[in-house]
PDB file of N, CA and C in Angstrom:
ATOM      1  N   UNK A   1       0.861  -1.150   0.052  1.00  0.00           N
ATOM      2  CA  UNK A   1       0.076  -0.006   0.089  1.00  0.00           C
ATOM      3  C   UNK A   1       0.843   1.236   0.001  1.00  0.00           C
ATOM      4  N   UNK A   2       1.926   1.332   0.875  1.00  0.00           N
ATOM      5  CA  UNK A   2       2.774   2.449   0.923  1.00  0.00           C
ATOM      6  C   UNK A   2       4.059   2.025   0.203  1.00  0.00           C
ATOM      7  N   UNK A   3       4.136   2.128  -1.066  1.00  0.00           N
ATOM      8  CA  UNK A   3       5.287   1.739  -1.787  1.00  0.00           C
ATOM      9  C   UNK A   3       6.581   2.451  -1.389  1.00  0.00           C
ATOM     10  N   UNK A   4       6.571   3.767  -1.286  1.00  0.00           N
ATOM     11  CA  UNK A   4       7.678   4.579  -0.936  1.00  0.00           C
ATOM     12  C   UNK A   4       8.227   4.099   0.576  1.00  0.00           C
ATOM     13  N   UNK A   5       7.299   3.904   1.468  1.00  0.00           N
ATOM     14  CA  UNK A   5       7.710   3.557   2.854  1.00  0.00           C
ATOM     15  C   UNK A   5       8.292   2.199   2.912  1.00  0.00           C
ATOM     16  N   UNK A   6       7.741   1.298   2.094  1.00  0.00           N
ATOM     17  CA  UNK A   6       8.233  -0.143   2.035  1.00  0.00           C
ATOM     18  C   UNK A   6       9.759  -0.043   1.534  1.00  0.00           C
ATOM     19  N   UNK A   7       9.874   0.730   0.387  1.00  0.00           N
ATOM     20  CA  UNK A   7      11.208   0.840  -0.222  1.00  0.00           C
ATOM     21  C   UNK A   7      12.316   1.495   0.796  1.00  0.00           C
ATOM     22  N   UNK A   8      11.903   2.473   1.523  1.00  0.00           N
ATOM     23  CA  UNK A   8      12.819   3.180   2.449  1.00  0.00           C
ATOM     24  C   UNK A   8      13.121   2.150   3.574  1.00  0.00           C
ATOM     25  N   UNK A   9      12.144   1.393   4.031  1.00  0.00           N
ATOM     26  CA  UNK A   9      12.380   0.470   5.125  1.00  0.00           C
ATOM     27  C   UNK A   9      13.343  -0.538   4.683  1.00  0.00           C
ATOM     28  N   UNK A  10      13.340  -1.125   3.473  1.00  0.00           N
ATOM     29  CA  UNK A  10      14.201  -2.104   2.945  1.00  0.00           C
ATOM     30  C   UNK A  10      15.494  -1.485   2.885  1.00  0.00           C
ATOM     31  N   UNK A  11      15.677  -0.167   2.393  1.00  0.00           N
ATOM     32  CA  UNK A  11      16.988   0.437   2.247  1.00  0.00           C
ATOM     33  C   UNK A  11      17.717   0.509   3.584  1.00  0.00           C
ATOM     34  N   UNK A  12      16.991   0.747   4.610  1.00  0.00           N
ATOM     35  CA  UNK A  12      17.552   0.960   5.977  1.00  0.00           C
ATOM     36  C   UNK A  12      17.587  -0.277   6.847  1.00  0.00           C
ATOM     37  N   UNK A  13      17.095  -1.455   6.265  1.00  0.00           N
ATOM     38  CA  UNK A  13      16.937  -2.672   6.962  1.00  0.00           C
ATOM     39  C   UNK A  13      16.123  -2.743   8.121  1.00  0.00           C
ATOM     40  N   UNK A  14      14.989  -1.886   8.121  1.00  0.00           N
ATOM     41  CA  UNK A  14      14.055  -1.881   9.212  1.00  0.00           C
ATOM     42  C   UNK A  14      13.013  -2.787   8.946  1.00  0.00           C
ATOM     43  N   UNK A  15      12.760  -3.715   9.849  1.00  0.00           N
ATOM     44  CA  UNK A  15      11.761  -4.908   9.754  1.00  0.00           C
ATOM     45  C   UNK A  15      10.511  -4.369  10.429  1.00  0.00           C
ATOM     46  N   UNK A  16       9.463  -5.178   9.958  1.00  0.00           N
ATOM     47  CA  UNK A  16       8.173  -4.925  10.576  1.00  0.00           C
ATOM     48  C   UNK A  16       8.172  -5.145  12.069  1.00  0.00           C
ATOM     49  N   UNK A  17       9.025  -6.028  12.474  1.00  0.00           N
ATOM     50  CA  UNK A  17       9.189  -6.276  13.947  1.00  0.00           C
ATOM     51  C   UNK A  17       9.712  -5.057  14.681  1.00  0.00           C
ATOM     52  N   UNK A  18      10.610  -4.386  14.084  1.00  0.00           N
ATOM     53  CA  UNK A  18      11.161  -3.076  14.594  1.00  0.00           C
ATOM     54  C   UNK A  18      10.039  -2.108  14.699  1.00  0.00           C
ATOM     55  N   UNK A  19       9.228  -2.005  13.626  1.00  0.00           N
ATOM     56  CA  UNK A  19       8.147  -1.057  13.657  1.00  0.00           C
ATOM     57  C   UNK A  19       7.172  -1.292  14.621  1.00  0.00           C
ATOM     58  N   UNK A  20       6.860  -2.619  14.768  1.00  0.00           N
ATOM     59  CA  UNK A  20       5.909  -3.067  15.839  1.00  0.00           C
ATOM     60  C   UNK A  20       6.358  -2.674  17.219  1.00  0.00           C
ATOM     61  N   UNK A  21       7.625  -2.981  17.421  1.00  0.00           N
ATOM     62  CA  UNK A  21       8.211  -2.580  18.824  1.00  0.00           C
ATOM     63  C   UNK A  21       8.016  -0.956  18.910  1.00  0.00           C
ATOM     64  N   UNK A  22       8.431  -0.226  17.974  1.00  0.00           N
ATOM     65  CA  UNK A  22       8.333   1.244  18.233  1.00  0.00           C
ATOM     66  C   UNK A  22       6.990   1.734  18.486  1.00  0.00           C
ATOM     67  N   UNK A  23       5.976   0.992  17.805  1.00  0.00           N
ATOM     68  CA  UNK A  23       4.546   1.536  17.901  1.00  0.00           C
ATOM     69  C   UNK A  23       3.886   0.846  19.102  1.00  0.00           C
ATOM     70  N   UNK A  24       4.430  -0.190  19.687  1.00  0.00           N
ATOM     71  CA  UNK A  24       3.851  -0.880  20.750  1.00  0.00           C
ATOM     72  C   UNK A  24       2.765  -1.758  20.297  1.00  0.00           C
ATOM     73  N   UNK A  25       2.801  -2.316  19.145  1.00  0.00           N
ATOM     74  CA  UNK A  25       1.707  -3.222  18.673  1.00  0.00           C
ATOM     75  C   UNK A  25       2.476  -4.518  18.186  1.00  0.00           C
ATOM     76  N   UNK A  26       1.734  -5.571  17.828  1.00  0.00           N
ATOM     77  CA  UNK A  26       2.322  -6.673  17.288  1.00  0.00           C
ATOM     78  C   UNK A  26       2.605  -6.648  15.781  1.00  0.00           C
ATOM     79  N   UNK A  27       3.284  -7.695  15.259  1.00  0.00           N
ATOM     80  CA  UNK A  27       3.758  -7.711  13.920  1.00  0.00           C
ATOM     81  C   UNK A  27       2.561  -7.785  12.831  1.00  0.00           C
ATOM     82  N   UNK A  28       1.730  -8.682  13.294  1.00  0.00           N
ATOM     83  CA  UNK A  28       0.512  -8.908  12.507  1.00  0.00           C
ATOM     84  C   UNK A  28      -0.356  -7.519  12.305  1.00  0.00           C
ATOM     85  N   UNK A  29      -0.318  -6.855  13.315  1.00  0.00           N
ATOM     86  CA  UNK A  29      -1.177  -5.578  13.108  1.00  0.00           C
ATOM     87  C   UNK A  29      -0.399  -4.656  12.327  1.00  0.00           C
ATOM     88  N   UNK A  30       1.010  -4.561  12.461  1.00  0.00           N
ATOM     89  CA  UNK A  30       1.795  -3.683  11.604  1.00  0.00           C
ATOM     90  C   UNK A  30       1.569  -4.169  10.108  1.00  0.00           C
ATOM     91  N   UNK A  31       1.631  -5.304   9.827  1.00  0.00           N
ATOM     92  CA  UNK A  31       1.381  -5.822   8.484  1.00  0.00           C
ATOM     93  C   UNK A  31       0.060  -5.317   7.837  1.00  0.00           C
ATOM     94  N   UNK A  32      -0.944  -5.492   8.794  1.00  0.00           N
ATOM     95  CA  UNK A  32      -2.342  -5.200   8.269  1.00  0.00           C
ATOM     96  C   UNK A  32      -2.454  -3.691   8.152  1.00  0.00           C
ATOM     97  N   UNK A  33      -1.801  -2.850   8.895  1.00  0.00           N
ATOM     98  CA  UNK A  33      -1.798  -1.425   8.810  1.00  0.00           C
ATOM     99  C   UNK A  33      -1.040  -0.981   7.489  1.00  0.00           C
ATOM    100  N   UNK A  34      -0.040  -1.598   7.161  1.00  0.00           N
ATOM    101  CA  UNK A  34       0.720  -1.197   6.121  1.00  0.00           C
ATOM    102  C   UNK A  34       0.275  -1.787   4.735  1.00  0.00           C
ATOM    103  N   UNK A  35      -0.704  -2.751   4.772  1.00  0.00           N
ATOM    104  CA  UNK A  35      -1.177  -3.217   3.506  1.00  0.00           C
ATOM    105  C   UNK A  35      -2.642  -2.946   3.212  1.00  0.00           C
ATOM    106  N   UNK A  36      -3.362  -2.635   4.153  1.00  0.00           N
ATOM    107  CA  UNK A  36      -4.904  -2.357   3.970  1.00  0.00           C
ATOM    108  C   UNK A  36      -5.199  -0.863   4.102  1.00  0.00           C
ATOM    109  N   UNK A  37      -5.967  -0.313   3.109  1.00  0.00           N
ATOM    110  CA  UNK A  37      -6.256   1.179   3.167  1.00  0.00           C
ATOM    111  C   UNK A  37      -6.920   1.440   4.389  1.00  0.00           C
ATOM    112  N   UNK A  38      -6.557   2.696   4.806  1.00  0.00           N
ATOM    113  CA  UNK A  38      -7.151   3.489   5.990  1.00  0.00           C
ATOM    114  C   UNK A  38      -7.064   2.742   7.287  1.00  0.00           C
ATOM    115  N   UNK A  39      -5.960   1.998   7.505  1.00  0.00           N
ATOM    116  CA  UNK A  39      -5.777   1.265   8.760  1.00  0.00           C
ATOM    117  C   UNK A  39      -4.785   1.922   9.666  1.00  0.00           C
ATOM    118  N   UNK A  40      -3.908   2.756   9.025  1.00  0.00           N
ATOM    119  CA  UNK A  40      -2.864   3.426   9.870  1.00  0.00           C
ATOM    120  C   UNK A  40      -3.266   4.706  10.357  1.00  0.00           C
ATOM    121  N   UNK A  41      -3.126   4.891  11.632  1.00  0.00           N
ATOM    122  CA  UNK A  41      -3.478   6.177  12.108  1.00  0.00           C
ATOM    123  C   UNK A  41      -2.489   7.270  11.967  1.00  0.00           C
ATOM    124  N   UNK A  42      -2.855   8.489  11.945  1.00  0.00           N
ATOM    125  CA  UNK A  42      -1.939   9.601  11.688  1.00  0.00           C
ATOM    126  C   UNK A  42      -0.804   9.592  12.664  1.00  0.00           C
ATOM    127  N   UNK A  43      -1.154   9.468  14.096  1.00  0.00           N
ATOM    128  CA  UNK A  43      -0.069   9.418  15.070  1.00  0.00           C
ATOM    129  C   UNK A  43       0.884   8.330  14.736  1.00  0.00           C
ATOM    130  N   UNK A  44       0.446   7.251  14.262  1.00  0.00           N
ATOM    131  CA  UNK A  44       1.465   6.194  13.925  1.00  0.00           C
ATOM    132  C   UNK A  44       2.327   6.521  12.755  1.00  0.00           C
ATOM    133  N   UNK A  45       1.722   7.095  11.743  1.00  0.00           N
ATOM    134  CA  UNK A  45       2.633   7.558  10.644  1.00  0.00           C
ATOM    135  C   UNK A  45       3.508   8.557  11.069  1.00  0.00           C
ATOM    136  N   UNK A  46       3.119   9.478  11.964  1.00  0.00           N
ATOM    137  CA  UNK A  46       4.076  10.514  12.310  1.00  0.00           C
ATOM    138  C   UNK A  46       5.171   9.932  13.215  1.00  0.00           C
ATOM    139  N   UNK A  47       4.881   8.976  13.995  1.00  0.00           N
ATOM    140  CA  UNK A  47       5.765   8.246  14.930  1.00  0.00           C
ATOM    141  C   UNK A  47       6.926   7.577  13.928  1.00  0.00           C
ATOM    142  N   UNK A  48       6.426   6.867  13.025  1.00  0.00           N
ATOM    143  CA  UNK A  48       7.335   6.204  12.118  1.00  0.00           C
ATOM    144  C   UNK A  48       8.301   7.200  11.430  1.00  0.00           C
ATOM    145  N   UNK A  49       7.666   8.255  10.835  1.00  0.00           N
ATOM    146  CA  UNK A  49       8.578   9.260  10.343  1.00  0.00           C
ATOM    147  C   UNK A  49       9.495   9.928  11.254  1.00  0.00           C
ATOM    148  N   UNK A  50       9.039  10.196  12.522  1.00  0.00           N
ATOM    149  CA  UNK A  50       9.946  10.823  13.484  1.00  0.00           C
ATOM    150  C   UNK A  50      11.065   9.915  13.886  1.00  0.00           C
ATOM    151  N   UNK A  51      10.898   8.739  14.105  1.00  0.00           N
ATOM    152  CA  UNK A  51      11.819   7.744  14.596  1.00  0.00           C
ATOM    153  C   UNK A  51      12.799   7.401  13.555  1.00  0.00           C
ATOM    154  N   UNK A  52      12.282   6.989  12.327  1.00  0.00           N
ATOM    155  CA  UNK A  52      13.062   6.369  11.382  1.00  0.00           C
ATOM    156  C   UNK A  52      13.518   7.242  10.144  1.00  0.00           C
ATOM    157  N   UNK A  53      12.666   8.241   9.918  1.00  0.00           N
ATOM    158  CA  UNK A  53      12.842   8.961   8.591  1.00  0.00           C
ATOM    159  C   UNK A  53      12.660  10.501   8.874  1.00  0.00           C
ATOM    160  N   UNK A  54      13.339  11.093   9.835  1.00  0.00           N
ATOM    161  CA  UNK A  54      13.226  12.649  10.273  1.00  0.00           C
ATOM    162  C   UNK A  54      13.594  13.469   9.065  1.00  0.00           C
ATOM    163  N   UNK A  55      14.350  13.056   8.266  1.00  0.00           N
ATOM    164  CA  UNK A  55      14.853  13.862   6.981  1.00  0.00           C
ATOM    165  C   UNK A  55      13.863  13.685   5.803  1.00  0.00           C
ATOM    166  N   UNK A  56      12.820  12.885   5.780  1.00  0.00           N
ATOM    167  CA  UNK A  56      11.893  12.731   4.753  1.00  0.00           C
ATOM    168  C   UNK A  56      10.557  13.304   4.985  1.00  0.00           C
ATOM    169  N   UNK A  57       9.921  13.698   3.852  1.00  0.00           N
ATOM    170  CA  UNK A  57       8.534  14.243   3.975  1.00  0.00           C
ATOM    171  C   UNK A  57       7.559  13.067   4.281  1.00  0.00           C
ATOM    172  N   UNK A  58       6.690  13.366   5.170  1.00  0.00           N
ATOM    173  CA  UNK A  58       5.653  12.390   5.538  1.00  0.00           C
ATOM    174  C   UNK A  58       4.776  12.025   4.281  1.00  0.00           C
ATOM    175  N   UNK A  59       4.527  13.092   3.456  1.00  0.00           N
ATOM    176  CA  UNK A  59       3.654  12.973   2.299  1.00  0.00           C
ATOM    177  C   UNK A  59       4.392  11.962   1.185  1.00  0.00           C
ATOM    178  N   UNK A  60       5.745  12.010   1.144  1.00  0.00           N
ATOM    179  CA  UNK A  60       6.362  10.977   0.296  1.00  0.00           C
ATOM    180  C   UNK A  60       6.398   9.689   0.922  1.00  0.00           C
ATOM    181  N   UNK A  61       6.565   9.456   2.121  1.00  0.00           N
ATOM    182  CA  UNK A  61       6.639   8.122   2.662  1.00  0.00           C
ATOM    183  C   UNK A  61       5.269   7.467   2.636  1.00  0.00           C
ATOM    184  N   UNK A  62       4.167   8.244   2.895  1.00  0.00           N
ATOM    185  CA  UNK A  62       2.919   7.506   2.960  1.00  0.00           C
ATOM    186  C   UNK A  62       2.027   7.895   1.724  1.00  0.00           C
ATOM    187  N   UNK A  63       2.595   8.154   0.671  1.00  0.00           N
ATOM    188  CA  UNK A  63       1.988   8.352  -0.529  1.00  0.00           C
ATOM    189  C   UNK A  63       1.175   7.018  -0.960  1.00  0.00           C
ATOM    190  N   UNK A  64      -0.025   7.077  -1.164  1.00  0.00           N
ATOM    191  CA  UNK A  64      -0.784   5.772  -1.483  1.00  0.00           C
ATOM    192  C   UNK A  64      -0.913   5.525  -2.900  1.00  0.00           C
ATOM    193  N   UNK A  65      -0.693   4.353  -3.340  1.00  0.00           N
ATOM    194  CA  UNK A  65      -0.760   3.932  -4.750  1.00  0.00           C
ATOM    195  C   UNK A  65      -2.211   4.281  -5.281  1.00  0.00           C
ATOM    196  N   UNK A  66      -2.255   4.756  -6.526  1.00  0.00           N
ATOM    197  CA  UNK A  66      -3.470   4.909  -7.154  1.00  0.00           C
ATOM    198  C   UNK A  66      -4.112   3.604  -7.706  1.00  0.00           C
ATOM    199  N   UNK A  67      -5.284   3.257  -7.218  1.00  0.00           N
ATOM    200  CA  UNK A  67      -5.941   1.963  -7.606  1.00  0.00           C
ATOM    201  C   UNK A  67      -6.783   2.297  -8.704  1.00  0.00           C
ATOM    202  N   UNK A  68      -6.656   1.702  -9.882  1.00  0.00           N
ATOM    203  CA  UNK A  68      -7.534   1.876 -10.995  1.00  0.00           C
ATOM    204  C   UNK A  68      -8.844   0.867 -11.010  1.00  0.00           C
ATOM    205  N   UNK A  69      -9.781   1.527 -11.447  1.00  0.00           N
ATOM    206  CA  UNK A  69     -11.076   0.774 -11.298  1.00  0.00           C
ATOM    207  C   UNK A  69     -11.310  -0.150 -12.439  1.00  0.00           C
TER     208      UNK A  69
END
């Protein structure tokens, strides 16, 4: 769902387990939040950006793919 975020996580070697730990949730929940639309809360996105990507724009990290009908 968040193609840019996924790419940046891979570049930095940040696992979903690390995200889960930072957000205080389990890995399955992180996976669901990153793959299903409208599951990620704003405060969670801001926390991911603050901790792991302070030099990147949140709009870039969480840009959603356009789904064609």
